[in-house]
N, C-alpha and C. Protein backbone atom coordinates (compact mmCIF):
# COMPACT_ATOMS: atom_id res chain seq x y z
N MET A 1 -7.02 4.80 18.27
CA MET A 1 -6.47 3.66 17.62
C MET A 1 -7.48 3.04 16.67
N ALA A 2 -7.05 2.66 15.49
CA ALA A 2 -7.91 2.10 14.48
C ALA A 2 -8.39 0.68 14.85
N THR A 3 -9.62 0.36 14.43
CA THR A 3 -10.13 -0.97 14.67
C THR A 3 -9.46 -1.90 13.65
N LEU A 4 -9.65 -3.21 13.84
CA LEU A 4 -9.13 -4.23 12.98
C LEU A 4 -9.63 -4.02 11.55
N ARG A 5 -10.91 -3.73 11.40
CA ARG A 5 -11.52 -3.48 10.09
C ARG A 5 -10.84 -2.24 9.40
N GLU A 6 -10.68 -1.20 10.18
CA GLU A 6 -10.03 0.01 9.65
C GLU A 6 -8.56 -0.32 9.23
N ARG A 7 -7.87 -1.05 10.04
CA ARG A 7 -6.44 -1.37 9.72
C ARG A 7 -6.38 -2.16 8.44
N LYS A 8 -7.25 -3.13 8.24
CA LYS A 8 -7.27 -3.95 7.03
C LYS A 8 -7.64 -3.07 5.85
N THR A 9 -8.59 -2.19 6.05
CA THR A 9 -8.98 -1.27 4.96
C THR A 9 -7.81 -0.39 4.56
N TYR A 10 -7.10 0.15 5.55
CA TYR A 10 -5.98 1.06 5.26
C TYR A 10 -4.89 0.29 4.46
N ARG A 11 -4.63 -0.96 4.83
CA ARG A 11 -3.62 -1.80 4.12
C ARG A 11 -4.05 -2.01 2.68
N ASP A 12 -5.31 -2.37 2.46
CA ASP A 12 -5.83 -2.58 1.12
C ASP A 12 -5.75 -1.29 0.32
N GLN A 13 -6.08 -0.15 0.92
CA GLN A 13 -6.03 1.12 0.20
C GLN A 13 -4.64 1.46 -0.21
N VAL A 14 -3.68 1.25 0.70
CA VAL A 14 -2.25 1.54 0.39
C VAL A 14 -1.83 0.74 -0.84
N LEU A 15 -2.12 -0.58 -0.80
CA LEU A 15 -1.75 -1.41 -1.94
C LEU A 15 -2.43 -0.98 -3.22
N ARG A 16 -3.67 -0.65 -3.16
CA ARG A 16 -4.45 -0.27 -4.36
C ARG A 16 -3.89 1.04 -4.96
N VAL A 17 -3.67 2.04 -4.07
CA VAL A 17 -3.16 3.32 -4.54
C VAL A 17 -1.77 3.20 -5.13
N LEU A 18 -0.93 2.39 -4.47
CA LEU A 18 0.41 2.15 -4.98
C LEU A 18 0.36 1.46 -6.39
N TYR A 19 -0.46 0.42 -6.45
CA TYR A 19 -0.59 -0.31 -7.72
C TYR A 19 -1.11 0.61 -8.87
N GLU A 20 -2.09 1.38 -8.57
CA GLU A 20 -2.65 2.26 -9.62
C GLU A 20 -1.66 3.34 -10.01
N ALA A 21 -0.95 3.85 -9.04
CA ALA A 21 0.01 4.96 -9.28
C ALA A 21 1.20 4.49 -10.12
N VAL A 22 1.69 3.33 -9.84
CA VAL A 22 2.90 2.86 -10.54
C VAL A 22 2.61 1.95 -11.75
N GLU A 23 1.36 1.66 -11.95
CA GLU A 23 0.92 0.81 -13.05
C GLU A 23 1.71 -0.51 -13.17
N GLY A 24 1.90 -1.13 -12.03
CA GLY A 24 2.59 -2.38 -11.99
C GLY A 24 4.14 -2.34 -12.23
N ASN A 25 4.74 -1.19 -12.20
CA ASN A 25 6.16 -1.03 -12.37
C ASN A 25 6.87 -0.94 -11.02
N ARG A 26 7.63 -1.96 -10.64
CA ARG A 26 8.18 -1.93 -9.29
C ARG A 26 9.36 -1.00 -9.16
N LEU A 27 9.77 -0.38 -10.24
CA LEU A 27 10.81 0.61 -10.13
C LEU A 27 10.29 1.97 -9.75
N LEU A 28 9.01 2.14 -9.78
CA LEU A 28 8.37 3.43 -9.43
C LEU A 28 7.82 3.36 -8.03
N GLY A 29 7.63 4.47 -7.40
CA GLY A 29 7.01 4.50 -6.09
C GLY A 29 6.26 5.81 -5.93
N ILE A 30 5.66 6.00 -4.75
CA ILE A 30 5.01 7.25 -4.47
C ILE A 30 5.43 7.70 -3.10
N THR A 31 5.37 8.98 -2.86
CA THR A 31 5.77 9.53 -1.59
C THR A 31 4.72 9.29 -0.52
N GLY A 32 5.17 9.30 0.68
CA GLY A 32 4.25 9.21 1.86
C GLY A 32 3.27 10.34 1.86
N ALA A 33 3.72 11.53 1.47
CA ALA A 33 2.86 12.69 1.38
C ALA A 33 1.72 12.45 0.39
N GLN A 34 2.04 11.86 -0.72
CA GLN A 34 1.01 11.57 -1.75
C GLN A 34 0.04 10.52 -1.23
N LEU A 35 0.53 9.48 -0.52
CA LEU A 35 -0.32 8.47 0.09
C LEU A 35 -1.30 9.15 1.08
N ARG A 36 -0.77 10.02 1.91
CA ARG A 36 -1.65 10.70 2.89
C ARG A 36 -2.72 11.52 2.19
N ARG A 37 -2.32 12.26 1.12
CA ARG A 37 -3.29 13.07 0.37
C ARG A 37 -4.33 12.21 -0.26
N ASP A 38 -3.91 11.11 -0.92
CA ASP A 38 -4.85 10.27 -1.62
C ASP A 38 -5.77 9.49 -0.73
N LEU A 39 -5.27 9.05 0.44
CA LEU A 39 -6.05 8.15 1.30
C LEU A 39 -6.77 8.86 2.47
N HIS A 40 -6.30 10.05 2.84
CA HIS A 40 -6.87 10.77 4.01
C HIS A 40 -6.86 9.83 5.25
N VAL A 41 -5.73 9.18 5.47
CA VAL A 41 -5.48 8.28 6.59
C VAL A 41 -4.64 9.00 7.60
N PRO A 42 -5.00 8.91 8.90
CA PRO A 42 -4.14 9.49 9.90
C PRO A 42 -2.70 9.01 9.80
N GLU A 43 -1.71 9.88 10.03
CA GLU A 43 -0.32 9.53 9.84
C GLU A 43 0.11 8.30 10.57
N GLN A 44 -0.34 8.14 11.79
CA GLN A 44 0.04 6.96 12.62
C GLN A 44 -0.55 5.70 12.00
N ASP A 45 -1.74 5.75 11.46
CA ASP A 45 -2.35 4.57 10.84
C ASP A 45 -1.68 4.24 9.51
N LEU A 46 -1.28 5.26 8.76
CA LEU A 46 -0.57 5.06 7.49
C LEU A 46 0.80 4.39 7.79
N ALA A 47 1.48 4.85 8.82
CA ALA A 47 2.77 4.27 9.19
C ALA A 47 2.57 2.79 9.54
N ALA A 48 1.51 2.49 10.33
CA ALA A 48 1.23 1.11 10.76
C ALA A 48 0.92 0.26 9.56
N ALA A 49 0.13 0.76 8.60
CA ALA A 49 -0.20 0.01 7.42
C ALA A 49 1.05 -0.32 6.58
N CYS A 50 1.90 0.69 6.41
CA CYS A 50 3.10 0.47 5.64
C CYS A 50 4.05 -0.49 6.30
N THR A 51 4.18 -0.40 7.63
CA THR A 51 5.00 -1.32 8.40
C THR A 51 4.52 -2.75 8.20
N TYR A 52 3.20 -2.95 8.30
CA TYR A 52 2.62 -4.28 8.12
C TYR A 52 2.89 -4.84 6.71
N LEU A 53 2.60 -4.00 5.76
CA LEU A 53 2.77 -4.45 4.31
C LEU A 53 4.23 -4.73 4.01
N ALA A 54 5.11 -3.96 4.58
CA ALA A 54 6.57 -4.18 4.37
C ALA A 54 6.95 -5.51 5.03
N GLY A 55 6.40 -5.76 6.20
CA GLY A 55 6.69 -7.02 6.93
C GLY A 55 6.14 -8.23 6.17
N GLU A 56 5.11 -8.06 5.35
CA GLU A 56 4.57 -9.15 4.58
C GLU A 56 5.30 -9.29 3.23
N GLY A 57 6.23 -8.34 2.99
CA GLY A 57 7.03 -8.46 1.74
C GLY A 57 6.26 -7.93 0.50
N LEU A 58 5.23 -7.12 0.73
CA LEU A 58 4.43 -6.61 -0.41
C LEU A 58 4.84 -5.21 -0.85
N ILE A 59 5.47 -4.43 0.05
CA ILE A 59 6.01 -3.11 -0.33
C ILE A 59 7.35 -2.95 0.35
N THR A 60 8.11 -1.94 -0.13
CA THR A 60 9.27 -1.47 0.55
C THR A 60 9.00 -0.02 0.89
N VAL A 61 9.61 0.43 2.04
CA VAL A 61 9.35 1.77 2.52
C VAL A 61 10.65 2.43 2.92
N ASP A 62 10.88 3.61 2.46
CA ASP A 62 11.94 4.46 2.95
C ASP A 62 11.30 5.38 3.99
N TRP A 63 11.92 5.47 5.17
CA TRP A 63 11.30 6.20 6.26
C TRP A 63 11.92 7.53 6.49
N GLU A 64 11.14 8.55 6.87
CA GLU A 64 11.61 9.78 7.37
C GLU A 64 11.69 9.73 8.89
N PRO A 65 12.42 10.65 9.51
CA PRO A 65 12.39 10.69 10.96
C PRO A 65 10.94 10.83 11.49
N GLY A 66 10.71 10.22 12.59
CA GLY A 66 9.35 10.27 13.20
C GLY A 66 8.42 9.16 12.65
N ASN A 67 9.03 8.12 12.08
CA ASN A 67 8.23 6.96 11.61
C ASN A 67 7.20 7.40 10.54
N THR A 68 7.61 8.24 9.61
CA THR A 68 6.76 8.72 8.53
C THR A 68 7.29 8.13 7.22
N PRO A 69 6.40 7.49 6.43
CA PRO A 69 6.91 7.00 5.14
C PRO A 69 7.32 8.15 4.21
N ALA A 70 8.55 8.02 3.70
CA ALA A 70 9.04 9.02 2.72
C ALA A 70 8.69 8.57 1.32
N MET A 71 8.88 7.28 1.02
CA MET A 71 8.64 6.72 -0.26
C MET A 71 8.25 5.26 -0.09
N ALA A 72 7.28 4.87 -0.86
CA ALA A 72 6.78 3.47 -0.82
C ALA A 72 6.73 2.90 -2.25
N THR A 73 7.18 1.64 -2.35
CA THR A 73 7.15 0.97 -3.65
C THR A 73 6.61 -0.44 -3.48
N LEU A 74 5.99 -0.94 -4.51
CA LEU A 74 5.54 -2.33 -4.52
C LEU A 74 6.71 -3.28 -4.76
N THR A 75 6.70 -4.40 -4.10
CA THR A 75 7.70 -5.44 -4.40
C THR A 75 7.12 -6.31 -5.51
N HIS A 76 7.93 -7.25 -6.00
CA HIS A 76 7.45 -8.18 -7.03
C HIS A 76 6.23 -8.92 -6.49
N GLU A 77 6.28 -9.36 -5.23
CA GLU A 77 5.18 -10.13 -4.67
C GLU A 77 3.96 -9.22 -4.53
N GLY A 78 4.13 -7.95 -4.19
CA GLY A 78 3.02 -7.02 -4.12
C GLY A 78 2.34 -6.87 -5.44
N ILE A 79 3.11 -6.76 -6.51
CA ILE A 79 2.57 -6.65 -7.87
C ILE A 79 1.82 -7.89 -8.18
N ARG A 80 2.36 -9.03 -7.90
CA ARG A 80 1.71 -10.30 -8.23
C ARG A 80 0.39 -10.41 -7.48
N ARG A 81 0.33 -10.01 -6.24
CA ARG A 81 -0.90 -10.03 -5.49
C ARG A 81 -1.95 -9.14 -6.09
N MET A 82 -1.58 -7.92 -6.48
CA MET A 82 -2.50 -6.99 -7.05
C MET A 82 -2.99 -7.47 -8.42
N GLU A 83 -2.11 -8.03 -9.20
CA GLU A 83 -2.51 -8.55 -10.51
C GLU A 83 -3.47 -9.72 -10.38
N ALA A 84 -3.25 -10.56 -9.36
CA ALA A 84 -4.18 -11.71 -9.13
C ALA A 84 -5.53 -11.17 -8.72
N GLU A 85 -5.59 -10.15 -7.89
CA GLU A 85 -6.91 -9.56 -7.50
C GLU A 85 -7.57 -8.92 -8.69
N GLU A 86 -6.76 -8.25 -9.53
CA GLU A 86 -7.33 -7.65 -10.72
C GLU A 86 -7.95 -8.68 -11.70
N GLU A 87 -7.21 -9.81 -11.89
CA GLU A 87 -7.66 -10.88 -12.76
C GLU A 87 -8.97 -11.50 -12.13
N LYS A 88 -8.96 -11.72 -10.83
CA LYS A 88 -10.14 -12.26 -10.15
C LYS A 88 -11.36 -11.37 -10.37
N ALA A 89 -11.16 -10.09 -10.20
CA ALA A 89 -12.27 -9.13 -10.34
C ALA A 89 -12.75 -9.07 -11.79
N ALA A 90 -11.89 -9.27 -12.77
CA ALA A 90 -12.24 -9.25 -14.19
C ALA A 90 -13.02 -10.49 -14.58
N THR A 91 -12.73 -11.64 -13.95
CA THR A 91 -13.43 -12.84 -14.30
C THR A 91 -14.76 -13.02 -13.58
N GLY A 92 -14.93 -12.28 -12.49
CA GLY A 92 -16.16 -12.34 -11.72
C GLY A 92 -16.27 -13.63 -10.91
N PRO A 93 -17.43 -13.78 -10.29
CA PRO A 93 -17.59 -14.99 -9.46
C PRO A 93 -17.58 -16.26 -10.26
N ALA A 94 -17.03 -17.32 -9.64
CA ALA A 94 -16.91 -18.59 -10.35
C ALA A 94 -18.23 -19.31 -10.45
C-alpha cells in the first residue's frame, strides 16, 4: 500500500499529465492505459488516485471492469486548479 506522500504524488501526477495531454480542453481525455504508461504507477494506486480526484470534482473517470480507469478527463474545476498552479509557478515566489 502506498504511503500518504506517494498517494499525494500520484494524485498530482495524474492531474499534471491530464492537463498537459489535453492542453486545458475539458472535452478531451486520456485513457487509463496511457496514464499507466506515462506515470508508471501501480494499477491499484492509479485507481485510488483517480477515485480521490473524481471525488474532489477535479476529474471525471469512466471505469472498466475491475476498477480500472478506462478514460479520464479534467473537469472545469480541475482545469482552473491547474491553471492557477501554472500562473503561480510563472510568477515565482511573492
